[in-house]
C-alpha atoms as a PDB file:
ATOM      1  CA  MET A   1      19.700 -32.886   3.198  1.00  0.00           C
ATOM      2  CA  SER A   2      20.867 -32.732  -0.358  1.00  0.00           C
ATOM      3  CA  ALA A   3      22.071 -29.317  -1.508  1.00  0.00           C
ATOM      4  CA  LYS A   4      19.698 -29.545  -4.489  1.00  0.00           C
ATOM      5  CA  ALA A   5      16.650 -30.703  -2.529  1.00  0.00           C
ATOM      6  CA  VAL A   6      13.631 -28.369  -2.629  1.00  0.00           C
ATOM      7  CA  LEU A   7      10.678 -29.511  -0.523  1.00  0.00           C
ATOM      8  CA  THR A   8       7.220 -28.132  -1.286  1.00  0.00           C
ATOM      9  CA  THR A   9       3.683 -28.858  -0.113  1.00  0.00           C
ATOM     10  CA  HIS A  10       2.351 -30.014  -3.504  1.00  0.00           C
ATOM     11  CA  ASP A  11       5.083 -32.087  -5.182  1.00  0.00           C
ATOM     12  CA  GLY A  12       4.734 -35.870  -4.971  1.00  0.00           C
ATOM     13  CA  ASP A  13       1.966 -38.200  -3.846  1.00  0.00           C
ATOM     14  CA  LEU A  14       0.376 -38.089  -0.423  1.00  0.00           C
ATOM     15  CA  LEU A  15       1.432 -40.832   1.973  1.00  0.00           C
ATOM     16  CA  GLU A  16      -1.206 -43.452   2.613  1.00  0.00           C
ATOM     17  CA  ASN A  17      -0.043 -43.963   6.201  1.00  0.00           C
ATOM     18  CA  PRO A  18       1.549 -40.749   7.537  1.00  0.00           C
ATOM     19  CA  THR A  19       1.916 -42.193  11.059  1.00  0.00           C
ATOM     20  CA  ALA A  20       5.334 -43.655  10.297  1.00  0.00           C
ATOM     21  CA  PHE A  21       6.491 -40.292   8.981  1.00  0.00           C
ATOM     22  CA  HIS A  22       5.206 -38.524  12.098  1.00  0.00           C
ATOM     23  CA  GLU A  23       7.002 -40.957  14.391  1.00  0.00           C
ATOM     24  CA  MET A  24      10.210 -40.681  12.389  1.00  0.00           C
ATOM     25  CA  VAL A  25      10.266 -36.876  12.406  1.00  0.00           C
ATOM     26  CA  GLY A  26       9.292 -36.762  16.095  1.00  0.00           C
ATOM     27  CA  SER A  27      12.240 -38.991  16.978  1.00  0.00           C
ATOM     28  CA  LEU A  28      14.565 -36.834  14.886  1.00  0.00           C
ATOM     29  CA  GLN A  29      13.343 -33.710  16.653  1.00  0.00           C
ATOM     30  CA  TYR A  30      14.255 -35.337  19.964  1.00  0.00           C
ATOM     31  CA  LEU A  31      17.699 -36.182  18.571  1.00  0.00           C
ATOM     32  CA  THR A  32      18.430 -32.530  17.718  1.00  0.00           C
ATOM     33  CA  ILE A  33      18.870 -31.894  21.465  1.00  0.00           C
ATOM     34  CA  THR A  34      22.399 -33.288  21.128  1.00  0.00           C
ATOM     35  CA  ARG A  35      22.911 -33.150  17.350  1.00  0.00           C
ATOM     36  CA  PRO A  36      22.844 -29.548  16.085  1.00  0.00           C
ATOM     37  CA  ASP A  37      24.262 -30.649  12.724  1.00  0.00           C
ATOM     38  CA  ILE A  38      20.850 -32.029  11.721  1.00  0.00           C
ATOM     39  CA  ALA A  39      18.779 -29.152  13.139  1.00  0.00           C
ATOM     40  CA  PHE A  40      18.120 -27.484   9.764  1.00  0.00           C
ATOM     41  CA  ALA A  41      17.244 -30.720   7.963  1.00  0.00           C
ATOM     42  CA  VAL A  42      14.838 -31.819  10.709  1.00  0.00           C
ATOM     43  CA  ASN A  43      13.295 -28.351  10.813  1.00  0.00           C
ATOM     44  CA  SER A  44      12.689 -28.547   7.060  1.00  0.00           C
ATOM     45  CA  VAL A  45      10.892 -31.918   7.059  1.00  0.00           C
ATOM     46  CA  SER A  46       8.900 -31.069  10.203  1.00  0.00           C
ATOM     47  CA  GLN A  47       7.103 -28.297   8.295  1.00  0.00           C
ATOM     48  CA  PHE A  48       5.101 -30.922   6.361  1.00  0.00           C
ATOM     49  CA  MET A  49       3.594 -32.873   9.239  1.00  0.00           C
ATOM     50  CA  SER A  50      -0.013 -32.127   8.292  1.00  0.00           C
ATOM     51  CA  GLN A  51       0.129 -33.533   4.744  1.00  0.00           C
ATOM     52  CA  PRO A  52       3.377 -35.425   4.207  1.00  0.00           C
ATOM     53  CA  ARG A  53       4.234 -36.581   0.706  1.00  0.00           C
ATOM     54  CA  ALA A  54       6.689 -39.034  -0.813  1.00  0.00           C
ATOM     55  CA  PRO A  55       9.598 -36.537  -1.220  1.00  0.00           C
ATOM     56  CA  HIS A  56       9.254 -35.594   2.442  1.00  0.00           C
ATOM     57  CA  LEU A  57       9.580 -39.238   3.486  1.00  0.00           C
ATOM     58  CA  ILE A  58      12.631 -39.657   1.246  1.00  0.00           C
ATOM     59  CA  ALA A  59      14.238 -36.603   2.872  1.00  0.00           C
ATOM     60  CA  ALA A  60      13.529 -37.976   6.361  1.00  0.00           C
ATOM     61  CA  LYS A  61      15.079 -41.338   5.470  1.00  0.00           C
ATOM     62  CA  ARG A  62      18.121 -39.529   4.111  1.00  0.00           C
ATOM     63  CA  ILE A  63      18.561 -37.888   7.526  1.00  0.00           C
ATOM     64  CA  LEU A  64      18.345 -41.317   9.171  1.00  0.00           C
ATOM     65  CA  ARG A  65      21.063 -42.664   6.883  1.00  0.00           C
ATOM     66  CA  TYR A  66      23.272 -39.727   7.817  1.00  0.00           C
ATOM     67  CA  VAL A  67      22.651 -40.319  11.528  1.00  0.00           C
ATOM     68  CA  LYS A  68      23.483 -44.013  11.125  1.00  0.00           C
ATOM     69  CA  SER A  69      26.813 -43.148   9.509  1.00  0.00           C
ATOM     70  CA  THR A  70      27.683 -40.675  12.311  1.00  0.00           C
ATOM     71  CA  LEU A  71      26.484 -42.506  15.421  1.00  0.00           C
ATOM     72  CA  GLY A  72      29.616 -41.571  17.342  1.00  0.00           C
ATOM     73  CA  HIS A  73      29.185 -37.813  16.860  1.00  0.00           C
ATOM     74  CA  GLY A  74      28.007 -35.618  19.706  1.00  0.00           C
ATOM     75  CA  LEU A  75      28.624 -32.497  21.747  1.00  0.00           C
ATOM     76  CA  HIS A  76      31.981 -32.041  23.422  1.00  0.00           C
ATOM     77  CA  PHE A  77      32.156 -30.306  26.805  1.00  0.00           C
ATOM     78  CA  SER A  78      35.394 -29.150  28.371  1.00  0.00           C
ATOM     79  CA  PRO A  79      36.114 -27.161  31.562  1.00  0.00           C
ATOM     80  CA  GLN A  80      36.287 -23.379  31.091  1.00  0.00           C
ATOM     81  CA  ARG A  81      38.383 -20.861  32.929  1.00  0.00           C
ATOM     82  CA  GLN A  82      36.680 -17.923  34.594  1.00  0.00           C
ATOM     83  CA  PRO A  83      35.819 -15.368  33.459  1.00  0.00           C
ATOM     84  CA  ALA A  84      34.329 -17.346  30.585  1.00  0.00           C
ATOM     85  CA  HIS A  85      33.871 -15.976  27.091  1.00  0.00           C
ATOM     86  CA  LEU A  86      30.377 -16.011  25.586  1.00  0.00           C
ATOM     87  CA  SER A  87      30.177 -15.597  21.803  1.00  0.00           C
ATOM     88  CA  ALA A  88      27.463 -16.054  19.179  1.00  0.00           C
ATOM     89  CA  TYR A  89      27.358 -16.637  15.421  1.00  0.00           C
ATOM     90  CA  SER A  90      24.170 -15.679  13.582  1.00  0.00           C
ATOM     91  CA  ASP A  91      23.191 -16.170   9.957  1.00  0.00           C
ATOM     92  CA  ALA A  92      20.095 -16.082   7.754  1.00  0.00           C
ATOM     93  CA  ASP A  93      19.072 -17.506   4.388  1.00  0.00           C
ATOM     94  CA  TRP A  94      17.156 -14.645   2.779  1.00  0.00           C
ATOM     95  CA  ALA A  95      13.863 -15.718   1.109  1.00  0.00           C
ATOM     96  CA  GLY A  96      14.963 -19.341   1.233  1.00  0.00           C
ATOM     97  CA  CYS A  97      11.454 -20.818   1.333  1.00  0.00           C
ATOM     98  CA  PRO A  98      10.297 -21.361  -2.290  1.00  0.00           C
ATOM     99  CA  GLU A  99       6.606 -20.956  -1.405  1.00  0.00           C
ATOM    100  CA  SER A 100       6.318 -18.265   1.268  1.00  0.00           C
ATOM    101  CA  ARG A 101       9.690 -16.587   0.572  1.00  0.00           C
ATOM    102  CA  ARG A 102      10.327 -16.311   4.277  1.00  0.00           C
ATOM    103  CA  SER A 103      13.888 -16.400   5.522  1.00  0.00           C
ATOM    104  CA  THR A 104      15.488 -18.976   7.803  1.00  0.00           C
ATOM    105  CA  SER A 105      17.418 -17.816  10.861  1.00  0.00           C
ATOM    106  CA  GLY A 106      20.121 -19.723  12.655  1.00  0.00           C
ATOM    107  CA  TYR A 107      22.529 -19.003  15.476  1.00  0.00           C
ATOM    108  CA  LEU A 108      25.193 -20.799  17.512  1.00  0.00           C
ATOM    109  CA  ILE A 109      26.252 -19.717  21.006  1.00  0.00           C
ATOM    110  CA  TYR A 110      29.541 -20.845  22.506  1.00  0.00           C
ATOM    111  CA  LEU A 111      30.730 -20.730  26.108  1.00  0.00           C
ATOM    112  CA  GLY A 112      34.463 -20.671  25.501  1.00  0.00           C
ATOM    113  CA  ASN A 113      34.902 -23.360  22.858  1.00  0.00           C
ATOM    114  CA  THR A 114      31.841 -25.350  23.961  1.00  0.00           C
ATOM    115  CA  LEU A 115      28.577 -25.120  22.057  1.00  0.00           C
ATOM    116  CA  VAL A 116      25.771 -24.513  24.576  1.00  0.00           C
ATOM    117  CA  SER A 117      22.818 -23.189  22.536  1.00  0.00           C
ATOM    118  CA  TRP A 118      21.656 -23.211  18.924  1.00  0.00           C
ATOM    119  CA  CYS A 119      18.523 -22.575  16.886  1.00  0.00           C
ATOM    120  CA  SER A 120      17.278 -23.025  13.324  1.00  0.00           C
ATOM    121  CA  LYS A 121      13.819 -21.690  12.516  1.00  0.00           C
ATOM    122  CA  LYS A 122      11.867 -19.867   9.847  1.00  0.00           C
ATOM    123  CA  GLN A 123      11.259 -16.173  10.429  1.00  0.00           C
ATOM    124  CA  PRO A 124       7.597 -15.253  11.075  1.00  0.00           C
ATOM    125  CA  THR A 125       7.503 -12.423   8.513  1.00  0.00           C
ATOM    126  CA  ILE A 126       8.939 -11.775   5.059  1.00  0.00           C
ATOM    127  CA  ALA A 127      12.165  -9.780   4.980  1.00  0.00           C
ATOM    128  CA  ARG A 128      12.461  -7.117   2.312  1.00  0.00           C
ATOM    129  CA  SER A 129      16.248  -7.352   2.107  1.00  0.00           C
ATOM    130  CA  SER A 130      19.075  -9.669   3.104  1.00  0.00           C
ATOM    131  CA  ALA A 131      20.253  -7.106   5.667  1.00  0.00           C
ATOM    132  CA  GLU A 132      16.829  -7.200   7.326  1.00  0.00           C
ATOM    133  CA  SER A 133      16.815 -10.996   7.593  1.00  0.00           C
ATOM    134  CA  GLU A 134      20.375 -10.998   8.933  1.00  0.00           C
ATOM    135  CA  TYR A 135      19.532  -8.278  11.459  1.00  0.00           C
ATOM    136  CA  ARG A 136      16.548 -10.205  12.762  1.00  0.00           C
ATOM    137  CA  SER A 137      18.740 -13.246  13.246  1.00  0.00           C
ATOM    138  CA  LEU A 138      21.202 -10.981  15.055  1.00  0.00           C
ATOM    139  CA  ALA A 139      18.405  -9.792  17.355  1.00  0.00           C
ATOM    140  CA  HIS A 140      17.420 -13.393  18.169  1.00  0.00           C
ATOM    141  CA  SER A 141      20.982 -14.283  19.105  1.00  0.00           C
ATOM    142  CA  SER A 142      21.220 -11.104  21.209  1.00  0.00           C
ATOM    143  CA  ALA A 143      18.129 -12.103  23.192  1.00  0.00           C
ATOM    144  CA  GLU A 144      19.497 -15.610  23.747  1.00  0.00           C
ATOM    145  CA  THR A 145      22.937 -14.421  24.866  1.00  0.00           C
ATOM    146  CA  THR A 146      21.314 -11.921  27.239  1.00  0.00           C
ATOM    147  CA  TRP A 147      19.282 -14.701  28.842  1.00  0.00           C
ATOM    148  CA  LEU A 148      22.295 -17.008  29.057  1.00  0.00           C
ATOM    149  CA  GLY A 149      24.348 -14.229  30.633  1.00  0.00           C
ATOM    150  CA  PHE A 150      21.802 -13.788  33.425  1.00  0.00           C
ATOM    151  CA  LEU A 151      21.473 -17.560  33.873  1.00  0.00           C
ATOM    152  CA  LEU A 152      25.232 -18.073  34.211  1.00  0.00           C
ATOM    153  CA  TYR A 153      25.376 -15.163  36.667  1.00  0.00           C
ATOM    154  CA  GLU A 154      22.754 -16.835  38.851  1.00  0.00           C
ATOM    155  CA  LEU A 155      24.799 -20.043  38.718  1.00  0.00           C
ATOM    156  CA  GLY A 156      27.903 -18.218  39.889  1.00  0.00           C
ATOM    157  CA  VAL A 157      29.754 -18.233  36.562  1.00  0.00           C
ATOM    158  CA  HIS A 158      31.570 -15.011  35.724  1.00  0.00           C
ATOM    159  CA  ILE A 159      31.186 -13.861  32.109  1.00  0.00           C
ATOM    160  CA  GLN A 160      33.623 -11.566  30.404  1.00  0.00           C
ATOM    161  CA  TYR A 161      31.831  -8.658  28.768  1.00  0.00           C
ATOM    162  CA  PRO A 162      31.176  -7.518  26.118  1.00  0.00           C
ATOM    163  CA  ILE A 163      29.613 -10.587  24.517  1.00  0.00           C
ATOM    164  CA  ARG A 164      30.835 -10.927  20.948  1.00  0.00           C
ATOM    165  CA  ARG A 165      28.376 -11.649  18.167  1.00  0.00           C
ATOM    166  CA  TYR A 166      29.554 -12.495  14.669  1.00  0.00           C
ATOM    167  CA  CYS A 167      27.592 -11.778  11.506  1.00  0.00           C
ATOM    168  CA  ASP A 168      28.592 -12.209   7.854  1.00  0.00           C
ATOM    169  CA  ASN A 169      26.526  -9.267   6.588  1.00  0.00           C
ATOM    170  CA  LEU A 170      28.276  -5.878   6.552  1.00  0.00           C
ATOM    171  CA  SER A 171      25.034  -3.877   6.410  1.00  0.00           C
ATOM    172  CA  ALA A 172      23.691  -5.569   9.537  1.00  0.00           C
ATOM    173  CA  THR A 173      27.036  -4.999  11.256  1.00  0.00           C
ATOM    174  CA  TYR A 174      26.977  -1.292  10.432  1.00  0.00           C
ATOM    175  CA  MET A 175      23.354  -0.875  11.525  1.00  0.00           C
ATOM    176  CA  ALA A 176      24.185  -2.285  14.960  1.00  0.00           C
ATOM    177  CA  SER A 177      26.544   0.602  15.720  1.00  0.00           C
ATOM    178  CA  ASN A 178      25.509   3.431  13.380  1.00  0.00           C
ATOM    179  CA  PRO A 179      22.348   5.374  14.344  1.00  0.00           C
ATOM    180  CA  VAL A 180      22.361   7.235  11.003  1.00  0.00           C
ATOM    181  CA  PHE A 181      20.790   4.163   9.392  1.00  0.00           C
ATOM    182  CA  HIS A 182      17.682   4.529  11.558  1.00  0.00           C
ATOM    183  CA  ALA A 183      15.586   6.315   8.928  1.00  0.00           C
ATOM    184  CA  ARG A 184      16.150   3.454   6.491  1.00  0.00           C
ATOM    185  CA  THR A 185      15.285   0.671   8.948  1.00  0.00           C
ATOM    186  CA  LYS A 186      11.907   1.687  10.377  1.00  0.00           C
ATOM    187  CA  HIS A 187      10.322  -1.576   9.199  1.00  0.00           C
ATOM    188  CA  ILE A 188      12.554  -3.486  11.653  1.00  0.00           C
ATOM    189  CA  GLU A 189      12.442  -0.821  14.342  1.00  0.00           C
ATOM    190  CA  LEU A 190      11.941  -3.138  17.342  1.00  0.00           C
ATOM    191  CA  ASP A 191      14.841  -5.412  16.482  1.00  0.00           C
ATOM    192  CA  TYR A 192      16.912  -2.360  15.582  1.00  0.00           C
ATOM    193  CA  HIS A 193      16.405  -0.669  18.951  1.00  0.00           C
ATOM    194  CA  PHE A 194      16.953  -3.912  20.870  1.00  0.00           C
ATOM    195  CA  VAL A 195      20.354  -4.614  19.302  1.00  0.00           C
ATOM    196  CA  ARG A 196      21.379  -0.951  19.383  1.00  0.00           C
ATOM    197  CA  GLU A 197      20.582  -0.790  23.099  1.00  0.00           C
ATOM    198  CA  LYS A 198      22.807  -3.783  23.859  1.00  0.00           C
ATOM    199  CA  VAL A 199      25.670  -2.284  21.860  1.00  0.00           C
ATOM    200  CA  ALA A 200      25.227   1.159  23.483  1.00  0.00           C
ATOM    201  CA  LEU A 201      25.287  -0.363  26.978  1.00  0.00           C
ATOM    202  CA  GLY A 202      28.545  -2.115  26.155  1.00  0.00           C
ATOM    203  CA  SER A 203      27.255  -5.596  26.982  1.00  0.00           C
ATOM    204  CA  HIS A 204      27.450  -6.761  23.352  1.00  0.00           C
ATOM    205  CA  GLN A 205      29.666  -6.194  20.350  1.00  0.00           C
ATOM    206  CA  VAL A 206      28.953  -7.011  16.715  1.00  0.00           C
ATOM    207  CA  HIS A 207      31.827  -8.149  14.509  1.00  0.00           C
ATOM    208  CA  PHE A 208      31.976  -9.127  10.874  1.00  0.00           C
ATOM    209  CA  VAL A 209      33.006 -12.656   9.961  1.00  0.00           C
ATOM    210  CA  PRO A 210      33.483 -13.894   6.362  1.00  0.00           C
ATOM    211  CA  SER A 211      30.883 -16.337   5.083  1.00  0.00           C
ATOM    212  CA  VAL A 212      33.604 -18.967   4.653  1.00  0.00           C
ATOM    213  CA  ASN A 213      34.188 -18.954   8.423  1.00  0.00           C
ATOM    214  CA  GLN A 214      30.514 -18.738   9.421  1.00  0.00           C
ATOM    215  CA  PRO A 215      29.525 -21.983  11.238  1.00  0.00           C
ATOM    216  CA  ALA A 216      25.873 -20.865  11.555  1.00  0.00           C
ATOM    217  CA  ASP A 217      25.592 -21.367   7.786  1.00  0.00           C
ATOM    218  CA  LEU A 218      24.902 -25.006   8.591  1.00  0.00           C
ATOM    219  CA  LEU A 219      21.596 -24.054  10.284  1.00  0.00           C
ATOM    220  CA  THR A 220      20.118 -21.977   7.465  1.00  0.00           C
ATOM    221  CA  LYS A 221      20.463 -23.879   4.181  1.00  0.00           C
ATOM    222  CA  PRO A 222      21.407 -27.272   2.708  1.00  0.00           C
ATOM    223  CA  LEU A 223      25.108 -27.484   1.881  1.00  0.00           C
ATOM    224  CA  HIS A 224      27.336 -29.687  -0.220  1.00  0.00           C
ATOM    225  CA  LYS A 225      29.011 -32.628   1.476  1.00  0.00           C
ATOM    226  CA  GLN A 226      32.480 -31.099   1.748  1.00  0.00           C
ATOM    227  CA  ARG A 227      31.180 -27.831   3.199  1.00  0.00           C
ATOM    228  CA  HIS A 228      28.797 -29.672   5.530  1.00  0.00           C
ATOM    229  CA  ASN A 229      31.536 -31.913   6.916  1.00  0.00           C
ATOM    230  CA  LEU A 230      33.821 -28.931   7.450  1.00  0.00           C
ATOM    231  CA  LEU A 231      31.258 -26.992   9.494  1.00  0.00           C
ATOM    232  CA  CYS A 232      30.214 -30.097  11.424  1.00  0.00           C
ATOM    233  CA  THR A 233      33.662 -30.219  13.005  1.00  0.00           C
ATOM    234  CA  LYS A 234      32.842 -26.892  14.687  1.00  0.00           C
ATOM    235  CA  LEU A 235      29.564 -28.191  16.146  1.00  0.00           C
ATOM    236  CA  VAL A 236      29.926 -31.879  16.998  1.00  0.00           C
ATOM    237  CA  ARG A 237      32.874 -34.220  17.354  1.00  0.00           C
ATOM    238  CA  PRO A 238      33.236 -37.958  16.847  1.00  0.00           C
ATOM    239  CA  LYS A 239      33.486 -40.283  19.799  1.00  0.00           C
ATOM    240  CA  PRO A 240      37.097 -40.654  21.034  1.00  0.00           C
ATOM    241  CA  PRO A 241      38.697 -44.002  20.186  1.00  0.00           C
ATOM    242  CA  SER A 242      38.626 -46.707  22.834  1.00  0.00           C
ATOM    243  CA  LEU A 243      41.500 -49.002  23.794  1.00  0.00           C
ATOM    244  CA  LYS A 244      39.113 -51.949  23.647  1.00  0.00           C
ATOM    245  CA  GLY A 245      38.600 -51.448  19.931  1.00  0.00           C
ATOM    246  CA  GLY A 246      35.872 -53.725  18.665  1.00  0.00           C
ATOM    247  CA  VAL A 247      36.115 -56.274  21.491  1.00  0.00           C
ATOM    248  CA  ARG A 248      32.854 -56.738  23.340  1.00  0.00           C
ATOM    249  CA  ALA A 249      32.691 -56.698  27.126  1.00  0.00           C
ATOM    250  CA  ASN A 250      30.629 -59.907  27.396  1.00  0.00           C
ATOM    251  CA  HIS A 251      32.939 -62.642  26.091  1.00  0.00           C
ATOM    252  CA  SER A 252      31.593 -66.012  25.077  1.00  0.00           C
ATOM    253  CA  PRO A 253      31.942 -68.983  27.532  1.00  0.00           C
ATOM    254  CA  THR A 254      34.387 -70.715  25.162  1.00  0.00           C
ATOM    255  CA  LEU A 255      36.678 -67.669  25.124  1.00  0.00           C
ATOM    256  CA  ILE A 256      36.514 -67.301  28.921  1.00  0.00           C
ATOM    257  CA  SER A 257      37.403 -70.970  29.491  1.00  0.00           C
ATOM    258  CA  SER A 258      40.312 -70.700  27.056  1.00  0.00           C
ATOM    259  CA  LEU A 259      41.654 -67.641  28.856  1.00  0.00           C
ATOM    260  CA  SER A 260      41.339 -69.428  32.216  1.00  0.00           C
ATOM    261  CA  THR A 261      43.293 -72.426  30.883  1.00  0.00           C
ATOM    262  CA  ILE A 262      46.083 -70.228  29.586  1.00  0.00           C
ATOM    263  CA  LYS A 263      46.269 -68.375  32.908  1.00  0.00           C
ATOM    264  CA  THR A 264      46.489 -71.662  34.865  1.00  0.00           C
ATOM    265  CA  GLU A 265      49.264 -72.971  32.655  1.00  0.00           C
ATOM    266  CA  CYS A 266      51.251 -69.772  33.093  1.00  0.00           C
ATOM    267  CA  VAL A 267      50.989 -69.948  36.886  1.00  0.00           C
ATOM    268  CA  THR A 268      51.966 -73.655  37.160  1.00  0.00           C
ATOM    269  CA  SER A 269      54.780 -73.433  34.629  1.00  0.00           C
ATOM    270  CA  PRO A 270      58.347 -73.406  36.069  1.00  0.00           C
ATOM    271  CA  GLN A 271      59.221 -70.510  33.798  1.00  0.00           C
ATOM    272  CA  SER A 272      56.508 -68.401  35.369  1.00  0.00           C
ATOM    273  CA  LYS A 273      58.860 -67.551  38.257  1.00  0.00           C
ATOM    274  CA  LEU A 274      61.028 -65.605  35.885  1.00  0.00           C
ATOM    275  CA  ILE A 275      58.158 -63.329  34.877  1.00  0.00           C
ATOM    276  CA  VAL A 276      58.223 -59.992  36.694  1.00  0.00           C
END
């Protein structure tokens, strides 16, 4: 999505045939299974499925053009040594929705250096402060890492504890380990107690990470091209180059016959005996 794009429910004309828009967005939602770099953009356009308008269709086509230019990008999996490290990056765009003023949460979970889980979704309630929206995103990532920890244990994978979670909000980082802030955070009491319990048990740790080094920023808001491309390198990677280059596997009959003729001449030639 464009960094200046603001999608609303009332701007633009209604589409005469919204079926094409529904099919397009549905296909893009399926593509986000292996392309986390488009998760936020697809989540944004999918919020207007009931009454799509012209700007929503333009935004969806822009995503398709981006996908066409990055067809070789995808997830990269590499073997991990045990015990494996499980880490999570969480971020939130406070009051990012121009109509409901609800925040958007996003998190990335890595097993070693491999991305294994991610999410970009709008929070169900309105956050009264940026620290509250960031803390709720932190709670969501804590729940996901807890589930992944149990799943990997059942699969026989040893995880090194504590699980590290990275957040770019200092207030949310302090609240995770400082019980003195409890009186000022009663409106997020459930999320507060959940994260505090994980930190007190020693299974999780919360660390501060500067916003410049926060890869989850890609799942919460539209970014400029340079920033988007930089963060994409931490999520997906281009397809490795092939030795075949652009040569197709199914050669034409003319090319095959020419190659056969050259091979025959090389075998019958007297000089062919000198070839090792």
